[in-house]
Amino acid sequence: MYRAHVTGGALRDEVDGSTDRAAWFPLDAVADLPRHGFVDEALRLAGLLGDARSR
């Protein structure tokens, strides 16, 4: 897991790679997205969200 900041460029899908579709989402939209459990743990560790699965 990495914490990163966008500094420029354009987000694009990875051709013949491990990423189906690349997209940016606002943090407040993450709770409504389908995602792997490690995403919630990474957000908690970064102090960005409490319990991302809580509603």
N, C-alpha and C. Protein backbone atom coordinates (compact mmCIF):
# COMPACT_ATOMS: atom_id res chain seq x y z
N MET A 1 0.85 -1.17 0.00
CA MET A 1 0.00 0.00 0.00
C MET A 1 0.89 1.23 0.00
N TYR A 2 0.46 2.23 -0.73
CA TYR A 2 1.20 3.48 -0.83
C TYR A 2 0.24 4.64 -0.63
N ARG A 3 0.75 5.70 -0.05
CA ARG A 3 -0.01 6.94 0.01
C ARG A 3 0.63 7.86 -1.03
N ALA A 4 -0.19 8.41 -1.90
CA ALA A 4 0.34 9.20 -3.01
C ALA A 4 -0.51 10.45 -3.23
N HIS A 5 0.03 11.37 -3.97
CA HIS A 5 -0.67 12.59 -4.35
C HIS A 5 -0.51 12.78 -5.85
N VAL A 6 -1.59 13.14 -6.52
CA VAL A 6 -1.54 13.40 -7.96
C VAL A 6 -0.76 14.68 -8.19
N THR A 7 0.22 14.63 -9.08
CA THR A 7 1.01 15.82 -9.40
C THR A 7 0.85 16.25 -10.85
N GLY A 8 0.18 15.43 -11.66
CA GLY A 8 -0.02 15.80 -13.06
C GLY A 8 -0.27 14.57 -13.90
N GLY A 9 -0.42 14.80 -15.17
CA GLY A 9 -0.66 13.70 -16.10
C GLY A 9 -2.12 13.33 -16.17
N ALA A 10 -2.39 12.26 -16.90
CA ALA A 10 -3.76 11.80 -17.09
C ALA A 10 -3.86 10.35 -16.63
N LEU A 11 -4.91 10.05 -15.88
CA LEU A 11 -5.17 8.68 -15.46
C LEU A 11 -5.64 7.89 -16.66
N ARG A 12 -5.11 6.67 -16.84
CA ARG A 12 -5.51 5.86 -17.98
C ARG A 12 -5.55 4.39 -17.57
N ASP A 13 -6.35 3.62 -18.29
CA ASP A 13 -6.43 2.19 -18.06
C ASP A 13 -5.10 1.54 -18.43
N GLU A 14 -4.78 0.44 -17.76
CA GLU A 14 -3.54 -0.28 -18.01
C GLU A 14 -3.79 -1.34 -19.08
N VAL A 15 -3.19 -1.19 -20.23
CA VAL A 15 -3.38 -2.13 -21.34
C VAL A 15 -2.63 -3.42 -21.02
N ASP A 16 -3.34 -4.56 -21.11
CA ASP A 16 -2.75 -5.88 -20.83
C ASP A 16 -2.12 -5.97 -19.44
N GLY A 17 -2.69 -5.26 -18.48
CA GLY A 17 -2.15 -5.29 -17.13
C GLY A 17 -3.16 -5.78 -16.13
N SER A 18 -2.96 -5.44 -14.88
CA SER A 18 -3.82 -5.93 -13.81
C SER A 18 -4.99 -5.01 -13.50
N THR A 19 -5.05 -3.86 -14.15
CA THR A 19 -6.12 -2.91 -13.88
C THR A 19 -7.16 -2.94 -14.99
N ASP A 20 -8.39 -3.27 -14.62
CA ASP A 20 -9.50 -3.26 -15.57
C ASP A 20 -9.82 -1.86 -16.04
N ARG A 21 -10.04 -1.00 -15.05
CA ARG A 21 -10.48 0.36 -15.31
C ARG A 21 -9.92 1.26 -14.22
N ALA A 22 -9.33 2.34 -14.61
CA ALA A 22 -8.77 3.29 -13.65
C ALA A 22 -9.68 4.51 -13.57
N ALA A 23 -9.96 4.97 -12.35
CA ALA A 23 -10.80 6.15 -12.16
C ALA A 23 -10.51 6.75 -10.80
N TRP A 24 -10.66 8.07 -10.69
CA TRP A 24 -10.52 8.76 -9.41
C TRP A 24 -11.91 8.96 -8.83
N PHE A 25 -12.01 8.82 -7.52
CA PHE A 25 -13.26 9.02 -6.81
C PHE A 25 -13.01 9.90 -5.59
N PRO A 26 -13.95 10.78 -5.25
CA PRO A 26 -13.80 11.56 -4.02
C PRO A 26 -13.88 10.61 -2.81
N LEU A 27 -13.14 10.92 -1.74
CA LEU A 27 -13.13 10.05 -0.57
C LEU A 27 -14.53 9.78 -0.02
N ASP A 28 -15.41 10.76 -0.08
CA ASP A 28 -16.74 10.53 0.48
C ASP A 28 -17.58 9.57 -0.36
N ALA A 29 -17.12 9.19 -1.54
CA ALA A 29 -17.83 8.23 -2.39
C ALA A 29 -17.33 6.80 -2.19
N VAL A 30 -16.20 6.63 -1.50
CA VAL A 30 -15.58 5.31 -1.36
C VAL A 30 -16.50 4.31 -0.66
N ALA A 31 -17.23 4.75 0.35
CA ALA A 31 -18.10 3.84 1.11
C ALA A 31 -19.13 3.15 0.22
N ASP A 32 -19.51 3.76 -0.88
CA ASP A 32 -20.52 3.19 -1.77
C ASP A 32 -19.94 2.38 -2.93
N LEU A 33 -18.62 2.27 -3.02
CA LEU A 33 -17.98 1.54 -4.12
C LEU A 33 -17.71 0.09 -3.74
N PRO A 34 -17.80 -0.83 -4.71
CA PRO A 34 -17.33 -2.19 -4.46
C PRO A 34 -15.81 -2.15 -4.40
N ARG A 35 -15.22 -2.78 -3.40
CA ARG A 35 -13.77 -2.72 -3.25
C ARG A 35 -13.27 -3.88 -2.41
N HIS A 36 -11.99 -4.13 -2.48
CA HIS A 36 -11.35 -5.17 -1.68
C HIS A 36 -11.17 -4.64 -0.26
N GLY A 37 -11.21 -5.51 0.73
CA GLY A 37 -11.11 -5.12 2.13
C GLY A 37 -9.85 -4.34 2.49
N PHE A 38 -8.74 -4.56 1.77
CA PHE A 38 -7.52 -3.85 2.11
C PHE A 38 -7.65 -2.34 1.86
N VAL A 39 -8.60 -1.94 1.02
CA VAL A 39 -8.82 -0.51 0.77
C VAL A 39 -9.28 0.16 2.06
N ASP A 40 -10.23 -0.47 2.76
CA ASP A 40 -10.71 0.09 4.03
C ASP A 40 -9.58 0.19 5.04
N GLU A 41 -8.76 -0.85 5.12
CA GLU A 41 -7.64 -0.83 6.07
C GLU A 41 -6.64 0.26 5.72
N ALA A 42 -6.34 0.43 4.44
CA ALA A 42 -5.41 1.48 4.01
C ALA A 42 -5.95 2.86 4.35
N LEU A 43 -7.24 3.08 4.14
CA LEU A 43 -7.84 4.38 4.46
C LEU A 43 -7.81 4.65 5.96
N ARG A 44 -8.06 3.60 6.77
CA ARG A 44 -7.98 3.77 8.24
C ARG A 44 -6.56 4.09 8.66
N LEU A 45 -5.59 3.35 8.14
CA LEU A 45 -4.19 3.58 8.49
C LEU A 45 -3.72 4.98 8.10
N ALA A 46 -4.23 5.48 7.00
CA ALA A 46 -3.86 6.82 6.53
C ALA A 46 -4.61 7.92 7.28
N GLY A 47 -5.58 7.51 8.12
CA GLY A 47 -6.36 8.50 8.86
C GLY A 47 -7.34 9.26 7.99
N LEU A 48 -7.69 8.70 6.83
CA LEU A 48 -8.57 9.39 5.89
C LEU A 48 -10.04 9.10 6.12
N LEU A 49 -10.35 7.93 6.66
CA LEU A 49 -11.74 7.56 6.93
C LEU A 49 -11.77 6.76 8.23
N GLY A 50 -12.89 6.86 8.93
CA GLY A 50 -13.06 6.01 10.11
C GLY A 50 -13.29 4.59 9.63
N ASP A 51 -14.51 4.11 9.73
CA ASP A 51 -14.88 2.80 9.20
C ASP A 51 -15.59 3.02 7.88
N ALA A 52 -14.89 2.80 6.78
CA ALA A 52 -15.42 3.10 5.45
C ALA A 52 -16.66 2.28 5.12
N ARG A 53 -16.88 1.17 5.78
CA ARG A 53 -18.05 0.34 5.50
C ARG A 53 -19.26 0.79 6.33
N SER A 54 -19.05 1.64 7.32
CA SER A 54 -20.16 2.09 8.16
C SER A 54 -21.08 3.02 7.40
N ARG A 55 -22.35 2.96 7.71
CA ARG A 55 -23.31 3.85 7.05
C ARG A 55 -24.10 4.56 8.12
